[in-house]
Amino acid sequence: MSPTGEQTGNVLIVGAGPTGLLLAGDLAAAGIGCTVLERRDAETSNLTRAFAVHARTLEMLDARGVADDLVATGERVGAVRLLGRTSLDLSRLPGRFPFLLVTPQYETERVLRERAVAAGAEIVHGAEAVGLRQDGAGVDVDVRTSGGGTETRRASYVVGTDGVRSTVRRALGLPFPGHAAVRSVMLADVRLRDAPPDALTVDSTGDAFAFLAPFGDGWYRVIAWNRRHQAPDSEPVDMDELREVTRRVLGTDHGMSEPRWTSRFHSDERQVPKYRVGRVFLAGDAAHVHSPAGGQGMNTGIQDAANLGWKLAAELRGWAPSWLLDSYHEERHPVGRLVLRGSGAILRGALAEPLWLRRARTAGLWTATHVRPVARRLAGAVSGIDIAYPAPRGSHRLTGRRAPDVPLANGDGRLYGLLGDGLFVLVVGANDPAVTYLATRRWAGRVHCALAGGATRTTALIRPDGYIAWATDETAPDRRAAAIRDALNQWCGQPSTKDVHEPHPVESVPGDDGTPKERGTRP
């Protein structure tokens, strides 16, 4: 049981990448029993996949208290070089993180793992999920242990964050439609005699592509593609070919030497049609995979986890509205589809072969990065800052959008400082005892009530994932209190039937207009 006596259960997460680790930390912080199964051993690999941590992801990590630690490990990039001489300015993005952070994926995993373990999550290495079955009360997962034996673990819910070859997805019998976007991509970790001038180096010639990114310890990841040699994934990478392709694209191979690891792969564009089947959910690469163009993969997975975690916690604590878990698919599937299309467009533009098409690409990129409104929208899309969720017709203009990290009054700091424990935050523009009663007494353990640090007429209910659930500009006390009560009913379920705190003197407390619908009505 939770500290407030609410119903609780447990969640089993399959896969300890960034998506699974952020989800585990969120559930554990909310008091939900959580176990992560990871087939790899506990030793930290020196290999990595993702390098780019975008602004919206950093805001999510900031709410969880780990962003500053991660930022210290990498390099801030205020302008991202695209193709040719064009670059995208990120320095005008709103918030604390107007840049792209370049840092190896294992650093992101480290800070998320430390947070998850500190919050009480269990991470089991050498444990591979090999099958599952579900019923109306829970899910049984068959697990192959490091010793070679098999055991069954039961959980209230299971989340597959186990990558593109997801066992969880296959066990559900879900298709993974799509196609291979590009084949025979070469990867290598190398030393460079001459460091590139930019943190990220990328360009293409139509028949070749090259990308360089630093690990931060003297090693560099090289990603290259050669239209003239489309070898199968099983063929070893030839360093002479890698150097030649890099020189062809970038004009120099920067003195490439000492490869410690090489591989070939093909990049797919795929998305599962359902992110939820009963008590089982999919997130990250298990749900969607696309080209690395734009650096969206890890970031999109982390956002999946941020969306799902608080919803699972609300359900397991017994107060989630009946529609809340279904909203995970409804909100995140369209985002995954947009990322798939966007990264695919970037990739096809980079690999365009005819000269006229490359010239058109260059002209289009120049326009996109030099016309300020277009550049602003492009930066907002790439960084994740402009991602928004659908809002009901007639909603306030802010509903569904990212909540800015506004300062709060009374020494409460910033808004995102209150989001780390998985509760909603009701931000009000005036110190109103009746509103405080509604949020802190009737919905105790579900909502913080905070006073905005500046003058505003807007009252907003902020979701635990940093999006605006509901807002109003109503200033008439009675109508505003009634609107707040309705919003809390919709998003936070029925109010508590007992007082959790000692009562505060209140001149007048708005009562309920009839009985609320069971466990909330959908907004």
Protein backbone atom coordinates (compact mmCIF):
# COMPACT_ATOMS: atom_id res chain seq x y z
CA MET A 1 0.00 0.00 0.00
CA SER A 2 1.11 3.58 -0.60
CA PRO A 3 1.65 6.00 2.30
CA THR A 4 -1.86 7.37 1.78
CA GLY A 5 -3.43 3.91 1.86
CA GLU A 6 -4.07 3.75 -1.89
CA GLN A 7 -3.96 0.56 -3.91
CA THR A 8 -0.52 -0.35 -5.29
CA GLY A 9 0.96 -3.02 -7.56
CA ASN A 10 4.19 -3.66 -9.38
CA VAL A 11 5.63 -3.12 -12.85
CA LEU A 12 8.16 -5.25 -14.72
CA ILE A 13 10.29 -3.42 -17.29
CA VAL A 14 12.17 -5.41 -19.92
CA GLY A 15 15.30 -3.55 -21.04
CA ALA A 16 17.65 -1.25 -19.12
CA GLY A 17 18.39 1.36 -21.75
CA PRO A 18 17.57 5.04 -21.23
CA THR A 19 13.83 4.50 -21.80
CA GLY A 20 13.53 1.68 -19.28
CA LEU A 21 15.74 3.37 -16.70
CA LEU A 22 13.82 6.67 -16.74
CA LEU A 23 10.54 4.77 -16.42
CA ALA A 24 11.92 2.71 -13.54
CA GLY A 25 13.03 5.83 -11.70
CA ASP A 26 9.65 7.50 -12.16
CA LEU A 27 7.73 4.48 -10.89
CA ALA A 28 10.02 3.92 -7.92
CA ALA A 29 9.86 7.61 -6.99
CA ALA A 30 6.05 7.32 -7.00
CA GLY A 31 6.23 4.38 -4.58
CA ILE A 32 5.47 1.69 -7.16
CA GLY A 33 7.36 -1.60 -6.93
CA CYS A 34 9.50 -1.84 -10.05
CA THR A 35 11.94 -4.40 -11.47
CA VAL A 36 14.03 -3.99 -14.63
CA LEU A 37 15.23 -7.09 -16.48
CA GLU A 38 18.38 -6.64 -18.58
CA ARG A 39 19.96 -9.47 -20.53
CA ARG A 40 23.39 -7.77 -20.57
CA ASP A 41 25.73 -8.19 -17.65
CA ALA A 42 26.29 -5.41 -15.15
CA GLU A 43 29.56 -4.15 -16.63
CA THR A 44 29.25 -0.76 -18.28
CA SER A 45 30.04 -0.98 -21.99
CA ASN A 46 32.36 1.58 -23.57
CA LEU A 47 30.25 1.41 -26.72
CA THR A 48 27.37 3.77 -27.42
CA ARG A 49 24.60 4.45 -29.86
CA ALA A 50 23.10 7.87 -29.18
CA PHE A 51 25.11 11.07 -28.71
CA ALA A 52 22.49 13.81 -28.89
CA VAL A 53 20.42 14.86 -25.87
CA HIS A 54 17.90 17.48 -26.97
CA ALA A 55 16.51 20.41 -25.00
CA ARG A 56 13.14 18.85 -24.13
CA THR A 57 14.83 15.69 -22.86
CA LEU A 58 17.12 17.81 -20.70
CA GLU A 59 14.05 19.49 -19.23
CA MET A 60 12.66 16.05 -18.34
CA LEU A 61 15.97 15.13 -16.72
CA ASP A 62 16.04 18.50 -14.93
CA ALA A 63 12.66 17.75 -13.34
CA ARG A 64 14.24 14.54 -12.05
CA GLY A 65 17.33 16.28 -10.67
CA VAL A 66 19.93 14.73 -12.99
CA ALA A 67 20.28 17.20 -15.88
CA ASP A 68 23.16 19.22 -14.43
CA ASP A 69 25.14 16.05 -13.78
CA LEU A 70 24.65 14.94 -17.38
CA VAL A 71 25.42 18.35 -18.87
CA ALA A 72 28.77 18.31 -17.05
CA THR A 73 29.79 15.19 -19.00
CA GLY A 74 29.33 16.60 -22.49
CA GLU A 75 29.64 19.51 -24.85
CA ARG A 76 26.94 22.10 -25.44
CA VAL A 77 26.23 22.84 -29.09
CA GLY A 78 24.30 26.04 -29.73
CA ALA A 79 24.21 25.65 -33.50
CA VAL A 80 24.00 22.24 -35.16
CA ARG A 81 25.70 21.88 -38.51
CA LEU A 82 23.42 20.22 -41.02
CA LEU A 83 24.68 19.57 -44.54
CA GLY A 84 27.10 21.72 -46.47
CA ARG A 85 27.53 25.06 -44.76
CA THR A 86 24.08 25.33 -43.20
CA SER A 87 23.46 25.07 -39.46
CA LEU A 88 20.44 25.23 -37.18
CA ASP A 89 20.52 27.81 -34.39
CA LEU A 90 19.30 26.38 -31.08
CA SER A 91 20.41 29.27 -28.91
CA ARG A 92 16.99 30.94 -29.09
CA LEU A 93 15.11 27.97 -27.66
CA PRO A 94 13.12 28.78 -24.50
CA GLY A 95 14.10 27.31 -21.16
CA ARG A 96 17.34 26.48 -19.37
CA PHE A 97 18.78 24.36 -22.17
CA PRO A 98 19.03 26.32 -25.43
CA PHE A 99 21.49 23.84 -26.93
CA LEU A 100 22.10 20.26 -27.98
CA LEU A 101 24.15 18.24 -25.51
CA VAL A 102 26.69 15.91 -27.09
CA THR A 103 27.49 13.11 -24.66
CA PRO A 104 27.73 9.32 -25.01
CA GLN A 105 24.60 7.30 -24.30
CA TYR A 106 26.29 5.45 -21.45
CA GLU A 107 26.46 8.73 -19.50
CA THR A 108 22.70 9.19 -19.91
CA GLU A 109 22.20 5.62 -18.76
CA ARG A 110 24.48 6.19 -15.78
CA VAL A 111 22.57 9.15 -14.33
CA LEU A 112 19.22 7.45 -14.92
CA ARG A 113 20.41 4.18 -13.40
CA GLU A 114 21.74 5.91 -10.29
CA ARG A 115 18.43 7.75 -9.85
CA ALA A 116 16.35 4.60 -10.36
CA VAL A 117 18.37 2.55 -7.86
CA ALA A 118 18.36 5.37 -5.30
CA ALA A 119 14.56 5.55 -5.59
CA GLY A 120 14.24 1.82 -4.92
CA ALA A 121 14.00 0.22 -8.36
CA GLU A 122 15.52 -3.26 -8.74
CA ILE A 123 17.73 -3.87 -11.79
CA VAL A 124 18.45 -7.51 -12.58
CA HIS A 125 21.28 -8.14 -15.05
CA GLY A 126 21.76 -11.38 -16.93
CA ALA A 127 17.98 -11.85 -17.06
CA GLU A 128 16.40 -12.30 -20.50
CA ALA A 129 12.65 -12.27 -21.05
CA VAL A 130 11.75 -15.15 -23.37
CA GLY A 131 7.94 -15.12 -23.26
CA LEU A 132 4.87 -13.75 -21.51
CA ARG A 133 1.20 -14.42 -20.85
CA GLN A 134 -1.39 -12.06 -19.42
CA ASP A 135 -4.79 -12.31 -17.80
CA GLY A 136 -7.20 -9.84 -16.26
CA ALA A 137 -5.13 -9.44 -13.09
CA GLY A 138 -1.53 -9.42 -14.27
CA VAL A 139 1.24 -10.64 -16.55
CA ASP A 140 3.53 -13.67 -16.22
CA VAL A 141 6.96 -13.25 -17.79
CA ASP A 142 9.27 -16.19 -18.45
CA VAL A 143 12.85 -15.19 -17.68
CA ARG A 144 16.05 -17.00 -18.64
CA THR A 145 18.62 -16.35 -15.93
CA SER A 146 22.39 -16.00 -16.24
CA GLY A 147 22.78 -19.53 -14.87
CA GLY A 148 20.79 -20.95 -17.77
CA GLY A 149 17.65 -21.72 -15.82
CA THR A 150 14.17 -20.30 -16.37
CA GLU A 151 11.87 -18.66 -13.85
CA THR A 152 8.51 -16.90 -14.03
CA ARG A 153 7.94 -13.41 -12.69
CA ARG A 154 4.48 -11.90 -12.27
CA ALA A 155 3.64 -8.22 -12.41
CA SER A 156 0.56 -6.02 -12.56
CA TYR A 157 1.89 -4.45 -15.76
CA VAL A 158 4.82 -5.07 -18.13
CA VAL A 159 6.61 -2.50 -20.30
CA GLY A 160 8.82 -3.62 -23.17
CA THR A 161 11.72 -1.23 -23.64
CA ASP A 162 13.89 -3.98 -25.12
CA GLY A 163 14.80 -2.43 -28.46
CA VAL A 164 14.22 -3.07 -32.13
CA ARG A 165 14.29 -6.87 -31.71
CA SER A 166 11.89 -6.68 -28.79
CA THR A 167 10.95 -10.03 -27.28
CA VAL A 168 7.94 -8.38 -25.63
CA ARG A 169 6.63 -7.12 -28.96
CA ARG A 170 7.05 -10.53 -30.57
CA ALA A 171 5.36 -12.25 -27.62
CA LEU A 172 2.35 -9.99 -28.16
CA GLY A 173 2.21 -11.06 -31.81
CA LEU A 174 2.35 -7.46 -33.00
CA PRO A 175 3.64 -6.64 -36.49
CA PHE A 176 6.45 -4.11 -36.96
CA PRO A 177 5.70 -2.73 -40.41
CA GLY A 178 8.20 -0.63 -42.31
CA HIS A 179 11.30 -0.98 -44.44
CA ALA A 180 15.07 -0.65 -44.43
CA ALA A 181 15.81 3.03 -45.04
CA VAL A 182 19.53 2.56 -45.70
CA ARG A 183 21.76 -0.52 -45.81
CA SER A 184 25.42 -1.26 -45.13
CA VAL A 185 26.12 1.63 -42.75
CA MET A 186 29.64 1.40 -41.33
CA LEU A 187 30.36 2.12 -37.67
CA ALA A 188 33.74 2.43 -35.98
CA ASP A 189 35.26 3.80 -32.78
CA VAL A 190 38.61 5.34 -33.65
CA ARG A 191 41.31 7.77 -32.63
CA LEU A 192 41.71 10.95 -34.67
CA ARG A 193 45.06 12.67 -35.03
CA ASP A 194 43.39 15.99 -35.90
CA ALA A 195 40.28 16.87 -33.91
CA PRO A 196 37.39 18.22 -36.04
CA PRO A 197 36.55 21.90 -35.45
CA ASP A 198 32.89 21.15 -34.62
CA ALA A 199 31.47 18.95 -31.88
CA LEU A 200 29.41 17.14 -34.51
CA THR A 201 30.71 16.80 -38.06
CA VAL A 202 28.38 15.64 -40.82
CA ASP A 203 28.04 15.93 -44.59
CA SER A 204 27.13 13.97 -47.71
CA THR A 205 27.97 13.90 -51.42
CA GLY A 206 25.05 11.91 -52.79
CA ASP A 207 27.08 8.74 -53.13
CA ALA A 208 28.51 8.83 -49.60
CA PHE A 209 27.76 10.07 -46.08
CA ALA A 210 30.03 10.65 -43.05
CA PHE A 211 29.42 11.63 -39.43
CA LEU A 212 31.89 12.15 -36.57
CA ALA A 213 31.05 12.53 -32.87
CA PRO A 214 33.32 12.56 -29.81
CA PHE A 215 33.08 10.26 -26.81
CA GLY A 216 34.85 12.93 -24.76
CA ASP A 217 37.80 10.72 -23.85
CA GLY A 218 39.83 10.94 -27.06
CA TRP A 219 37.78 8.36 -28.95
CA TYR A 220 35.38 9.21 -31.78
CA ARG A 221 32.42 7.42 -33.29
CA VAL A 222 32.46 7.36 -37.11
CA ILE A 223 29.30 6.59 -39.07
CA ALA A 224 29.74 6.30 -42.84
CA TRP A 225 27.86 5.03 -45.86
CA ASN A 226 29.16 4.23 -49.34
CA ARG A 227 26.69 3.89 -52.19
CA ARG A 228 29.39 2.21 -54.29
CA HIS A 229 29.77 -0.71 -51.86
CA GLN A 230 26.52 -2.09 -50.39
CA ALA A 231 27.89 -5.02 -48.39
CA PRO A 232 25.80 -7.25 -46.11
CA ASP A 233 25.77 -6.52 -42.38
CA SER A 234 27.96 -9.57 -41.80
CA GLU A 235 30.88 -8.21 -43.83
CA PRO A 236 33.67 -6.65 -41.70
CA VAL A 237 34.34 -2.93 -42.00
CA ASP A 238 37.46 -2.19 -44.03
CA MET A 239 39.36 0.75 -42.51
CA ASP A 240 40.78 1.76 -45.89
CA GLU A 241 37.23 2.08 -47.21
CA LEU A 242 36.15 4.00 -44.13
CA ARG A 243 39.04 6.47 -44.52
CA GLU A 244 38.36 6.88 -48.25
CA VAL A 245 34.65 7.57 -47.72
CA THR A 246 35.40 10.07 -44.94
CA ARG A 247 37.92 11.91 -47.15
CA ARG A 248 35.46 11.91 -50.05
CA VAL A 249 32.75 13.53 -47.92
CA LEU A 250 34.65 15.71 -45.44
CA GLY A 251 37.87 16.39 -47.36
CA THR A 252 39.98 14.67 -44.67
CA ASP A 253 39.91 11.56 -42.54
CA HIS A 254 41.41 13.56 -39.61
CA GLY A 255 44.21 11.00 -39.20
CA MET A 256 41.86 8.12 -38.38
CA SER A 257 43.56 5.18 -36.64
CA GLU A 258 43.42 2.53 -33.87
CA PRO A 259 39.91 1.16 -34.39
CA ARG A 260 38.76 -0.53 -31.19
CA TRP A 261 35.38 -1.64 -32.55
CA THR A 262 33.72 -1.80 -35.99
CA SER A 263 30.37 -3.01 -37.28
CA ARG A 264 27.88 -2.74 -40.13
CA PHE A 265 24.14 -2.29 -39.77
CA HIS A 266 21.06 -1.35 -41.75
CA SER A 267 18.75 1.41 -40.54
CA ASP A 268 15.02 0.64 -40.53
CA GLU A 269 11.93 2.83 -40.43
CA ARG A 270 9.27 0.92 -38.51
CA GLN A 271 6.47 1.53 -36.02
CA VAL A 272 4.25 -0.88 -34.13
CA PRO A 273 0.51 -0.22 -34.65
CA LYS A 274 -0.36 -0.50 -30.94
CA TYR A 275 1.66 0.79 -28.00
CA ARG A 276 -0.64 -1.02 -25.56
CA VAL A 277 -2.09 -4.54 -25.54
CA GLY A 278 -3.99 -5.14 -22.30
CA ARG A 279 -1.52 -4.91 -19.44
CA VAL A 280 1.56 -4.74 -21.66
CA PHE A 281 3.05 -1.56 -23.13
CA LEU A 282 5.84 -0.84 -25.61
CA ALA A 283 8.16 2.17 -25.52
CA GLY A 284 11.33 3.38 -27.21
CA ASP A 285 12.86 1.30 -30.01
CA ALA A 286 10.52 -1.57 -29.18
CA ALA A 287 7.69 0.64 -30.45
CA HIS A 288 9.39 2.70 -33.15
CA VAL A 289 12.73 2.74 -34.93
CA HIS A 290 14.07 5.11 -37.55
CA SER A 291 17.23 6.50 -39.05
CA PRO A 292 19.70 8.24 -36.71
CA ALA A 293 19.27 11.46 -38.71
CA GLY A 294 18.30 14.26 -36.32
CA GLY A 295 19.35 12.33 -33.22
CA GLN A 296 15.73 11.62 -32.26
CA GLY A 297 15.74 7.95 -31.24
CA MET A 298 16.84 7.97 -27.60
CA ASN A 299 15.07 11.27 -26.97
CA THR A 300 11.75 9.99 -28.27
CA GLY A 301 12.05 6.88 -26.11
CA ILE A 302 12.73 8.94 -23.00
CA GLN A 303 9.66 11.03 -23.76
CA ASP A 304 7.62 7.83 -24.13
CA ALA A 305 8.72 6.81 -20.65
CA ALA A 306 7.97 10.23 -19.16
CA ASN A 307 4.45 10.05 -20.60
CA LEU A 308 3.75 6.51 -19.41
CA GLY A 309 5.29 6.44 -15.93
CA TRP A 310 2.92 8.75 -14.07
CA LYS A 311 -0.10 7.16 -15.76
CA LEU A 312 0.89 3.69 -14.60
CA ALA A 313 1.56 5.03 -11.10
CA ALA A 314 -1.89 6.68 -10.99
CA GLU A 315 -3.56 3.46 -12.10
CA LEU A 316 -1.73 1.33 -9.57
CA ARG A 317 -2.54 3.76 -6.76
CA GLY A 318 -6.20 3.50 -7.63
CA TRP A 319 -7.14 6.99 -8.73
CA ALA A 320 -6.47 7.15 -12.47
CA PRO A 321 -9.40 8.12 -14.69
CA SER A 322 -10.60 5.13 -16.71
CA TRP A 323 -9.24 6.55 -19.98
CA LEU A 324 -5.77 7.49 -18.73
CA LEU A 325 -3.75 4.40 -19.69
CA ASP A 326 -5.20 4.38 -23.20
CA SER A 327 -4.05 7.98 -23.65
CA TYR A 328 -0.43 6.75 -23.71
CA HIS A 329 -0.89 5.25 -27.20
CA GLU A 330 -3.15 8.07 -28.32
CA GLU A 331 -0.56 10.71 -27.44
CA ARG A 332 2.73 8.98 -28.20
CA HIS A 333 1.94 7.02 -31.38
CA PRO A 334 1.40 10.21 -33.45
CA VAL A 335 4.65 11.64 -32.08
CA GLY A 336 6.52 8.50 -33.09
CA ARG A 337 4.99 8.70 -36.56
CA LEU A 338 6.10 12.33 -36.96
CA VAL A 339 9.65 11.50 -35.84
CA LEU A 340 9.73 8.60 -38.28
CA ARG A 341 8.71 10.83 -41.16
CA GLY A 342 11.00 13.68 -40.16
CA SER A 343 14.12 11.59 -39.73
CA GLY A 344 13.33 9.77 -42.97
CA ALA A 345 13.06 13.06 -44.84
CA ILE A 346 16.42 14.18 -43.44
CA LEU A 347 18.03 10.89 -44.45
CA ARG A 348 16.63 10.94 -47.98
CA GLY A 349 17.79 14.51 -48.38
CA ALA A 350 21.28 13.61 -47.19
CA LEU A 351 21.54 10.67 -49.59
CA ALA A 352 20.08 12.45 -52.60
CA GLU A 353 22.22 11.55 -55.63
CA PRO A 354 21.35 13.81 -58.60
CA LEU A 355 23.16 17.15 -58.57
CA TRP A 356 19.95 19.11 -59.13
CA LEU A 357 18.34 17.43 -56.14
CA ARG A 358 21.31 18.18 -53.90
CA ARG A 359 21.19 21.81 -54.98
CA ALA A 360 17.47 21.94 -54.19
CA ARG A 361 18.21 20.37 -50.80
CA THR A 362 20.85 23.00 -50.09
CA ALA A 363 18.46 25.81 -51.05
CA GLY A 364 15.73 24.35 -48.88
CA LEU A 365 18.06 24.04 -45.90
CA TRP A 366 19.23 27.62 -46.35
CA THR A 367 15.64 28.84 -46.28
CA ALA A 368 14.76 26.69 -43.29
CA THR A 369 17.69 27.98 -41.26
CA HIS A 370 17.72 31.66 -42.30
CA VAL A 371 14.02 32.63 -42.34
CA ARG A 372 13.45 33.19 -38.63
CA PRO A 373 9.87 31.84 -38.23
CA VAL A 374 10.77 28.72 -40.22
CA ALA A 375 14.04 28.27 -38.32
CA ARG A 376 12.21 28.66 -35.01
CA ARG A 377 9.69 25.96 -35.90
CA LEU A 378 12.44 23.65 -37.14
CA ALA A 379 14.47 24.12 -33.93
CA GLY A 380 11.35 23.53 -31.84
CA ALA A 381 10.55 20.32 -33.73
CA VAL A 382 14.08 18.88 -33.64
CA SER A 383 14.61 19.76 -29.96
CA GLY A 384 11.20 18.43 -28.89
CA ILE A 385 10.26 21.77 -27.34
CA ASP A 386 7.27 22.21 -29.66
CA ILE A 387 5.80 18.74 -29.19
CA ALA A 388 2.20 19.07 -28.01
CA TYR A 389 -0.66 16.69 -27.31
CA PRO A 390 -4.22 16.98 -28.66
CA ALA A 391 -6.57 19.20 -26.71
CA PRO A 392 -10.39 19.00 -26.62
CA ARG A 393 -12.28 21.51 -28.71
CA GLY A 394 -12.85 24.75 -26.84
CA SER A 395 -9.86 24.24 -24.53
CA HIS A 396 -7.58 27.03 -23.39
CA ARG A 397 -4.90 27.88 -25.95
CA LEU A 398 -2.19 26.41 -23.69
CA THR A 399 -3.81 23.02 -23.16
CA GLY A 400 -1.63 20.15 -24.35
CA ARG A 401 1.47 22.25 -24.79
CA ARG A 402 4.79 22.13 -22.97
CA ALA A 403 4.68 23.98 -19.66
CA PRO A 404 7.42 26.62 -19.38
CA ASP A 405 9.66 26.32 -16.34
CA VAL A 406 8.22 29.39 -14.62
CA PRO A 407 9.53 30.74 -11.30
CA LEU A 408 7.33 30.18 -8.26
CA ALA A 409 6.66 32.41 -5.27
CA ASN A 410 7.22 31.73 -1.56
CA GLY A 411 10.65 30.23 -2.06
CA ASP A 412 9.32 27.25 -4.05
CA GLY A 413 11.92 27.69 -6.80
CA ARG A 414 10.98 26.67 -10.34
CA LEU A 415 8.01 24.70 -11.63
CA TYR A 416 10.13 21.77 -12.80
CA GLY A 417 11.52 21.40 -9.32
CA LEU A 418 8.07 20.22 -8.22
CA LEU A 419 7.58 17.64 -10.98
CA GLY A 420 10.12 15.07 -9.85
CA ASP A 421 7.78 13.13 -7.54
CA GLY A 422 5.17 12.40 -10.20
CA LEU A 423 2.41 14.68 -8.88
CA PHE A 424 0.39 17.26 -10.76
CA VAL A 425 1.11 20.92 -10.02
CA LEU A 426 -1.72 23.45 -9.87
CA VAL A 427 -0.14 26.85 -10.56
CA VAL A 428 -2.32 29.75 -9.44
CA GLY A 429 -1.85 33.47 -9.85
CA ALA A 430 -3.26 34.50 -6.47
CA ASN A 431 -3.05 33.08 -2.95
CA ASP A 432 -6.52 31.56 -2.67
CA PRO A 433 -7.38 29.45 0.44
CA ALA A 434 -10.28 27.72 -1.28
CA VAL A 435 -8.06 26.61 -4.18
CA THR A 436 -5.38 25.44 -1.75
CA TYR A 437 -8.01 23.37 0.04
CA LEU A 438 -9.13 21.74 -3.20
CA ALA A 439 -5.63 20.78 -4.30
CA THR A 440 -3.90 19.89 -1.03
CA ARG A 441 -6.80 18.40 0.96
CA ARG A 442 -9.38 16.91 -1.38
CA TRP A 443 -6.78 15.56 -3.82
CA ALA A 444 -4.01 14.99 -1.29
CA GLY A 445 -1.05 13.01 -2.60
CA ARG A 446 -1.94 13.77 -6.21
CA VAL A 447 -1.49 17.52 -6.61
CA HIS A 448 0.89 20.23 -5.45
CA CYS A 449 -0.50 23.76 -5.26
CA ALA A 450 1.99 26.52 -6.16
CA LEU A 451 1.80 30.28 -6.47
CA ALA A 452 3.21 31.75 -9.68
CA GLY A 453 6.20 33.99 -9.15
CA GLY A 454 4.99 36.75 -11.46
CA ALA A 455 1.73 38.50 -12.19
CA THR A 456 -0.60 36.26 -14.22
CA ARG A 457 -4.32 35.72 -14.59
CA THR A 458 -3.86 32.15 -15.85
CA THR A 459 -4.45 29.17 -13.58
CA ALA A 460 -2.94 25.97 -14.99
CA LEU A 461 -2.88 22.30 -14.03
CA ILE A 462 0.49 20.86 -15.03
CA ARG A 463 0.85 17.15 -15.69
CA PRO A 464 3.72 15.24 -14.08
CA ASP A 465 5.41 15.02 -17.50
CA GLY A 466 5.53 18.79 -17.85
CA TYR A 467 2.58 19.34 -20.19
CA ILE A 468 -0.44 21.54 -19.49
CA ALA A 469 -3.47 19.39 -18.75
CA TRP A 470 -5.88 22.29 -18.34
CA ALA A 471 -5.82 26.08 -17.97
CA THR A 472 -8.21 28.97 -17.49
CA ASP A 473 -8.07 32.76 -17.44
CA GLU A 474 -11.22 32.97 -15.34
CA THR A 475 -10.84 35.44 -12.46
CA ALA A 476 -14.28 35.30 -10.82
CA PRO A 477 -13.59 33.28 -7.61
CA ASP A 478 -16.67 31.03 -7.69
CA ARG A 479 -16.42 30.19 -11.39
CA ARG A 480 -12.66 29.67 -11.16
CA ALA A 481 -13.02 27.34 -8.15
CA ALA A 482 -15.70 25.32 -9.95
CA ALA A 483 -13.54 25.05 -13.07
CA ILE A 484 -10.55 23.89 -11.01
CA ARG A 485 -12.69 21.30 -9.26
CA ASP A 486 -13.89 19.95 -12.63
CA ALA A 487 -10.33 19.80 -13.98
CA LEU A 488 -9.08 17.93 -10.91
CA ASN A 489 -11.97 15.47 -11.23
CA GLN A 490 -11.13 14.87 -14.88
CA TRP A 491 -7.40 14.36 -14.44
CA CYS A 492 -6.93 13.21 -10.85
CA GLY A 493 -9.98 11.04 -10.29
CA GLN A 494 -12.49 11.29 -7.48
CA PRO A 495 -11.40 13.42 -4.52
CA SER A 496 -10.43 11.83 -1.25
CA THR A 497 -13.32 11.07 1.07
CA LYS A 498 -11.24 11.84 4.14
CA ASP A 499 -8.98 14.66 5.24
CA VAL A 500 -5.31 13.76 5.19
CA HIS A 501 -4.07 16.99 6.77
CA GLU A 502 -5.37 19.07 9.63
CA PRO A 503 -8.00 21.51 8.35
CA HIS A 504 -7.03 25.10 7.62
CA PRO A 505 -9.39 27.96 8.35
CA VAL A 506 -11.20 28.79 5.13
CA GLU A 507 -13.90 31.43 4.76
CA SER A 508 -15.85 29.37 2.25
CA VAL A 509 -15.17 26.05 0.60
CA PRO A 510 -16.86 25.18 -2.71
CA GLY A 511 -18.88 21.99 -2.49
CA ASP A 512 -19.37 19.31 -5.16
CA ASP A 513 -22.20 19.75 -7.63
CA GLY A 514 -23.60 16.25 -7.47
CA THR A 515 -21.59 13.06 -7.59
CA PRO A 516 -18.57 12.98 -9.96
CA LYS A 517 -18.51 10.29 -12.60
CA GLU A 518 -16.66 7.17 -11.55
CA ARG A 519 -12.87 7.73 -11.59
CA GLY A 520 -13.15 10.91 -13.64
CA THR A 521 -14.52 11.84 -17.05
CA ARG A 522 -12.36 12.26 -20.07
CA PRO A 523 -11.39 15.88 -20.85
